[in-house]
Amino acid sequence: MAKQQFFLKLNPPRPTFMIDMTTEEKAVMQNHVAYWTSLLDDGTAIVFGPVSDPNGGYGVGVVSVDNEEHLKKIIENDPANGLNKYEFYTMRAIFK
């Protein structure tokens, strides 16, 4: 079965989150980065990282998964889910 690609946007709890995280929030986000690094290492994630938007930063990622249910499990297991809110969209990605 062909993989599906999804674009994910991780919306922080406030526009200033990237510059004023609490100690607890920093710990959650460090675990989030470790989680996404493991997805990158196993080939599930194609790319991920923070976006420095002048109106407020956010995170993005692109994943290649079997189906939307697989994507939802990735989101559910992300340590940052709940602190932040995910949006996701199907994507017809072209990549090597």
Protein backbone atom coordinates (compact mmCIF):
# COMPACT_ATOMS: atom_id res chain seq x y z
CA MET A 1 0.00 0.00 0.00
CA ALA A 2 1.31 3.45 -0.91
CA LYS A 3 2.17 5.82 1.90
CA GLN A 4 0.24 9.04 2.47
CA GLN A 5 1.92 12.31 3.35
CA PHE A 6 0.53 14.83 5.79
CA PHE A 7 1.54 18.37 6.69
CA LEU A 8 1.23 19.09 10.41
CA LYS A 9 1.15 22.44 12.17
CA LEU A 10 1.74 22.53 15.91
CA ASN A 11 0.04 25.59 17.36
CA PRO A 12 1.45 26.78 20.68
CA PRO A 13 -0.70 27.87 23.63
CA ARG A 14 0.26 31.55 23.12
CA PRO A 15 2.03 33.65 20.46
CA THR A 16 5.06 34.26 22.70
CA PHE A 17 5.53 30.58 23.59
CA MET A 18 8.84 30.17 21.75
CA ILE A 19 10.44 32.96 23.78
CA ASP A 20 8.79 32.63 27.20
CA MET A 21 8.34 28.91 27.87
CA THR A 22 8.29 27.90 31.52
CA THR A 23 10.75 25.30 32.80
CA GLU A 24 8.01 22.66 32.62
CA GLU A 25 7.06 23.65 29.07
CA LYS A 26 10.72 23.49 28.00
CA ALA A 27 10.93 19.94 29.35
CA VAL A 28 7.81 18.94 27.40
CA MET A 29 9.22 20.49 24.22
CA GLN A 30 12.58 18.73 24.69
CA ASN A 31 10.68 15.43 24.88
CA HIS A 32 8.71 16.51 21.80
CA VAL A 33 11.95 17.08 19.85
CA ALA A 34 13.29 13.68 20.95
CA TYR A 35 10.02 12.05 19.86
CA TRP A 36 10.10 13.70 16.44
CA THR A 37 13.80 12.90 16.03
CA SER A 38 12.92 9.22 16.47
CA LEU A 39 10.22 9.61 13.78
CA LEU A 40 12.82 11.18 11.50
CA ASP A 41 15.29 8.38 12.23
CA ASP A 42 12.77 5.65 11.37
CA GLY A 43 11.70 7.39 8.15
CA THR A 44 8.20 8.34 9.28
CA ALA A 45 8.98 12.06 9.47
CA ILE A 46 10.40 13.71 6.38
CA VAL A 47 11.12 17.05 8.02
CA PHE A 48 10.13 18.94 11.17
CA GLY A 49 11.04 22.06 13.06
CA PRO A 50 10.02 25.44 14.44
CA VAL A 51 8.93 28.36 12.26
CA SER A 52 9.87 31.86 13.39
CA ASP A 53 6.77 33.78 12.36
CA PRO A 54 6.76 37.44 13.49
CA ASN A 55 3.12 36.96 14.53
CA GLY A 56 4.03 34.00 16.74
CA GLY A 57 6.11 30.91 16.15
CA TYR A 58 4.76 27.41 15.59
CA GLY A 59 6.01 23.99 14.60
CA VAL A 60 5.66 22.14 11.31
CA GLY A 61 6.27 18.60 10.22
CA VAL A 62 5.71 16.39 7.21
CA VAL A 63 5.17 12.67 7.71
CA SER A 64 4.73 9.68 5.43
CA VAL A 65 2.37 7.11 6.97
CA ASP A 66 0.10 4.22 6.02
CA ASN A 67 -3.13 6.08 6.75
CA GLU A 68 -4.78 8.83 8.78
CA GLU A 69 -5.20 6.51 11.76
CA HIS A 70 -1.41 6.08 11.90
CA LEU A 71 -1.04 9.87 11.81
CA LYS A 72 -3.52 10.27 14.67
CA LYS A 73 -1.53 7.80 16.78
CA ILE A 74 1.63 9.84 16.15
CA ILE A 75 -0.16 12.98 17.32
CA GLU A 76 -1.69 11.20 20.32
CA ASN A 77 1.72 9.91 21.46
CA ASP A 78 3.51 13.25 21.06
CA PRO A 79 4.52 14.64 24.47
CA ALA A 80 3.62 18.15 23.22
CA ASN A 81 0.06 17.18 22.29
CA GLY A 82 -2.31 18.81 24.75
CA LEU A 83 0.07 21.62 25.66
CA ASN A 84 -0.05 22.56 21.96
CA LYS A 85 -2.78 21.85 19.41
CA TYR A 86 -2.23 20.08 16.10
CA GLU A 87 -3.72 20.82 12.71
CA PHE A 88 -3.03 18.43 9.84
CA TYR A 89 -3.69 18.34 6.13
CA THR A 90 -3.17 15.75 3.42
CA MET A 91 -0.26 16.56 1.15
CA ARG A 92 0.82 15.26 -2.22
CA ALA A 93 4.50 15.43 -1.40
CA ILE A 94 7.25 15.09 -3.96
CA PHE A 95 10.50 13.98 -2.37
CA LYS A 96 13.44 11.62 -2.79
